[in-house]
Structures are given as structure tokens and as C-alpha cells.
Amino acid sequence: MASKRELPIYVSLEEAAEMMSLSTRTIRRRISDGTIPAYQCGRRPIRIRLDELEAALRRIPSARW
């Protein structure tokens, strides 16, 4: 029996903005500069894969006192 392949989860611009505590305008800018990959099929709304949205975050070094 073949294992079931999990499909990626896609979110809208508005959902991505809410998850990241950013404006949709900032999300659009990140898509334009290539920081966040986005997808569109025909004239359908733009979607962002949840795993790629999370991968766009980068860890900043913590300050050591």
C-alpha cells in the first residue's frame, strides 16, 4: 500500500499578513522582492504555501549580556 502524500497548505495574502502580523502591502512587497514565493493559477487569487511563509522568517542572533 502506497503512503498517502500530504498536500501543501496554501493561504491567502490576508491570511499570511495576519499570521505574520504584517500588512498585505508588506506581504506583496516581500513577494515582489523574492523573499516569499507565491503562486497563482490563471486569474485566481495569489496563494502562499504555509511552509514557505514560515521559511521566509530568519532568526536573528540574540544579545548576550
N, C-alpha and C. Protein backbone atom coordinates (compact mmCIF):
# COMPACT_ATOMS: atom_id res chain seq x y z
N MET A 1 0.83 -1.18 0.00
CA MET A 1 0.00 0.00 0.00
C MET A 1 0.88 1.25 0.00
N ALA A 2 0.66 2.15 -0.93
CA ALA A 2 1.46 3.36 -1.04
C ALA A 2 1.07 4.35 0.06
N SER A 3 2.06 5.07 0.57
CA SER A 3 1.76 6.06 1.60
C SER A 3 1.07 7.27 0.97
N LYS A 4 0.17 7.84 1.73
CA LYS A 4 -0.59 8.98 1.23
C LYS A 4 0.28 10.24 1.28
N ARG A 5 0.37 10.92 0.17
CA ARG A 5 1.18 12.13 0.07
C ARG A 5 0.42 13.31 0.64
N GLU A 6 1.05 14.07 1.51
CA GLU A 6 0.39 15.24 2.09
C GLU A 6 0.49 16.40 1.12
N LEU A 7 -0.62 17.07 0.91
CA LEU A 7 -0.65 18.24 0.06
C LEU A 7 -0.23 19.47 0.85
N PRO A 8 0.47 20.41 0.21
CA PRO A 8 0.85 21.63 0.92
C PRO A 8 -0.37 22.48 1.24
N ILE A 9 -0.27 23.24 2.30
CA ILE A 9 -1.35 24.15 2.70
C ILE A 9 -1.04 25.53 2.13
N TYR A 10 -2.01 26.09 1.43
CA TYR A 10 -1.87 27.42 0.85
C TYR A 10 -2.75 28.41 1.61
N VAL A 11 -2.24 29.63 1.79
CA VAL A 11 -3.01 30.69 2.46
C VAL A 11 -3.10 31.90 1.54
N SER A 12 -4.11 32.72 1.79
CA SER A 12 -4.29 33.95 1.02
C SER A 12 -3.32 35.02 1.53
N LEU A 13 -3.24 36.12 0.79
CA LEU A 13 -2.41 37.25 1.23
C LEU A 13 -2.86 37.76 2.59
N GLU A 14 -4.17 37.86 2.76
CA GLU A 14 -4.73 38.37 4.01
C GLU A 14 -4.40 37.44 5.18
N GLU A 15 -4.53 36.13 4.95
CA GLU A 15 -4.21 35.17 6.00
C GLU A 15 -2.72 35.21 6.33
N ALA A 16 -1.89 35.31 5.31
CA ALA A 16 -0.44 35.38 5.53
C ALA A 16 -0.08 36.63 6.32
N ALA A 17 -0.69 37.75 5.97
CA ALA A 17 -0.42 39.01 6.67
C ALA A 17 -0.82 38.90 8.14
N GLU A 18 -1.97 38.30 8.39
CA GLU A 18 -2.44 38.15 9.77
C GLU A 18 -1.51 37.23 10.56
N MET A 19 -1.09 36.13 9.96
CA MET A 19 -0.20 35.18 10.63
C MET A 19 1.13 35.82 10.99
N MET A 20 1.63 36.69 10.10
CA MET A 20 2.94 37.29 10.29
C MET A 20 2.88 38.64 11.00
N SER A 21 1.68 39.11 11.33
CA SER A 21 1.47 40.43 11.94
C SER A 21 2.05 41.53 11.05
N LEU A 22 1.77 41.42 9.76
CA LEU A 22 2.21 42.40 8.77
C LEU A 22 1.00 42.87 7.97
N SER A 23 1.17 43.91 7.19
CA SER A 23 0.10 44.34 6.29
C SER A 23 0.16 43.53 5.00
N THR A 24 -0.95 43.49 4.29
CA THR A 24 -0.95 42.79 3.00
C THR A 24 0.00 43.48 2.03
N ARG A 25 0.15 44.78 2.19
CA ARG A 25 1.08 45.52 1.33
C ARG A 25 2.52 45.04 1.53
N THR A 26 2.89 44.80 2.78
CA THR A 26 4.24 44.28 3.07
C THR A 26 4.41 42.88 2.51
N ILE A 27 3.38 42.05 2.64
CA ILE A 27 3.44 40.70 2.06
C ILE A 27 3.65 40.80 0.55
N ARG A 28 2.92 41.69 -0.11
CA ARG A 28 3.09 41.89 -1.56
C ARG A 28 4.51 42.35 -1.90
N ARG A 29 5.09 43.23 -1.07
CA ARG A 29 6.47 43.68 -1.30
C ARG A 29 7.45 42.53 -1.16
N ARG A 30 7.23 41.66 -0.18
CA ARG A 30 8.11 40.50 0.01
C ARG A 30 7.98 39.53 -1.15
N ILE A 31 6.80 39.41 -1.73
CA ILE A 31 6.62 38.58 -2.92
C ILE A 31 7.39 39.19 -4.08
N SER A 32 7.27 40.51 -4.24
CA SER A 32 7.96 41.21 -5.33
C SER A 32 9.48 41.10 -5.24
N ASP A 33 10.01 41.20 -4.01
CA ASP A 33 11.47 41.14 -3.88
C ASP A 33 12.00 39.70 -3.81
N GLY A 34 11.09 38.72 -3.85
CA GLY A 34 11.50 37.32 -3.89
C GLY A 34 11.70 36.67 -2.54
N THR A 35 11.46 37.40 -1.46
CA THR A 35 11.62 36.85 -0.12
C THR A 35 10.59 35.76 0.17
N ILE A 36 9.36 35.97 -0.30
CA ILE A 36 8.29 35.00 -0.11
C ILE A 36 7.81 34.53 -1.48
N PRO A 37 7.94 33.23 -1.80
CA PRO A 37 7.41 32.71 -3.06
C PRO A 37 5.87 32.70 -3.02
N ALA A 38 5.24 32.97 -4.14
CA ALA A 38 3.78 32.96 -4.21
C ALA A 38 3.35 32.29 -5.51
N TYR A 39 2.10 31.87 -5.54
CA TYR A 39 1.57 31.11 -6.67
C TYR A 39 0.21 31.65 -7.09
N GLN A 40 -0.05 31.50 -8.37
CA GLN A 40 -1.34 31.90 -8.92
C GLN A 40 -1.65 30.97 -10.08
N CYS A 41 -2.89 30.52 -10.16
CA CYS A 41 -3.31 29.65 -11.26
C CYS A 41 -4.36 30.41 -12.06
N GLY A 42 -3.99 30.86 -13.23
CA GLY A 42 -4.92 31.65 -14.04
C GLY A 42 -5.21 32.98 -13.38
N ARG A 43 -6.49 33.32 -13.30
CA ARG A 43 -6.87 34.60 -12.70
C ARG A 43 -7.24 34.47 -11.23
N ARG A 44 -7.02 33.29 -10.68
CA ARG A 44 -7.35 33.06 -9.28
C ARG A 44 -6.47 33.92 -8.37
N PRO A 45 -6.90 34.16 -7.14
CA PRO A 45 -6.11 34.97 -6.21
C PRO A 45 -4.73 34.35 -5.92
N ILE A 46 -3.82 35.18 -5.52
CA ILE A 46 -2.46 34.75 -5.17
C ILE A 46 -2.52 33.93 -3.88
N ARG A 47 -1.75 32.86 -3.84
CA ARG A 47 -1.68 32.00 -2.66
C ARG A 47 -0.22 31.80 -2.28
N ILE A 48 0.00 31.57 -1.00
CA ILE A 48 1.35 31.36 -0.47
C ILE A 48 1.35 30.04 0.29
N ARG A 49 2.36 29.23 0.03
CA ARG A 49 2.47 27.97 0.78
C ARG A 49 2.88 28.27 2.21
N LEU A 50 2.19 27.67 3.14
CA LEU A 50 2.44 27.93 4.56
C LEU A 50 3.87 27.60 4.95
N ASP A 51 4.41 26.47 4.46
CA ASP A 51 5.79 26.11 4.82
C ASP A 51 6.80 27.11 4.27
N GLU A 52 6.53 27.68 3.10
CA GLU A 52 7.45 28.67 2.53
C GLU A 52 7.32 30.02 3.24
N LEU A 53 6.13 30.32 3.74
CA LEU A 53 5.94 31.54 4.52
C LEU A 53 6.75 31.45 5.81
N GLU A 54 6.69 30.30 6.45
CA GLU A 54 7.47 30.09 7.68
C GLU A 54 8.97 30.11 7.39
N ALA A 55 9.37 29.59 6.24
CA ALA A 55 10.78 29.56 5.87
C ALA A 55 11.33 30.96 5.57
N ALA A 56 10.45 31.90 5.25
CA ALA A 56 10.88 33.26 4.94
C ALA A 56 11.35 34.00 6.19
N LEU A 57 10.94 33.50 7.35
CA LEU A 57 11.42 34.10 8.60
C LEU A 57 12.88 33.76 8.79
N ARG A 58 13.64 34.68 9.28
CA ARG A 58 15.03 34.36 9.59
C ARG A 58 15.31 34.70 11.04
N ARG A 59 16.05 33.84 11.64
CA ARG A 59 16.37 34.02 13.06
C ARG A 59 17.44 35.10 13.21
N ILE A 60 17.21 35.96 14.18
CA ILE A 60 18.21 36.98 14.47
C ILE A 60 19.01 36.54 15.69
N PRO A 61 20.28 36.87 15.71
CA PRO A 61 21.09 36.44 16.86
C PRO A 61 20.62 37.14 18.13
N SER A 62 20.63 36.42 19.22
CA SER A 62 20.21 37.00 20.49
C SER A 62 21.39 37.75 21.13
N ALA A 63 21.05 38.79 21.84
CA ALA A 63 22.08 39.57 22.53
C ALA A 63 22.49 38.83 23.79
N ARG A 64 23.77 38.74 24.02
CA ARG A 64 24.27 38.11 25.26
C ARG A 64 24.87 39.19 26.12
N TRP A 65 24.39 39.27 27.34
CA TRP A 65 24.85 40.33 28.25
C TRP A 65 25.93 39.85 29.12
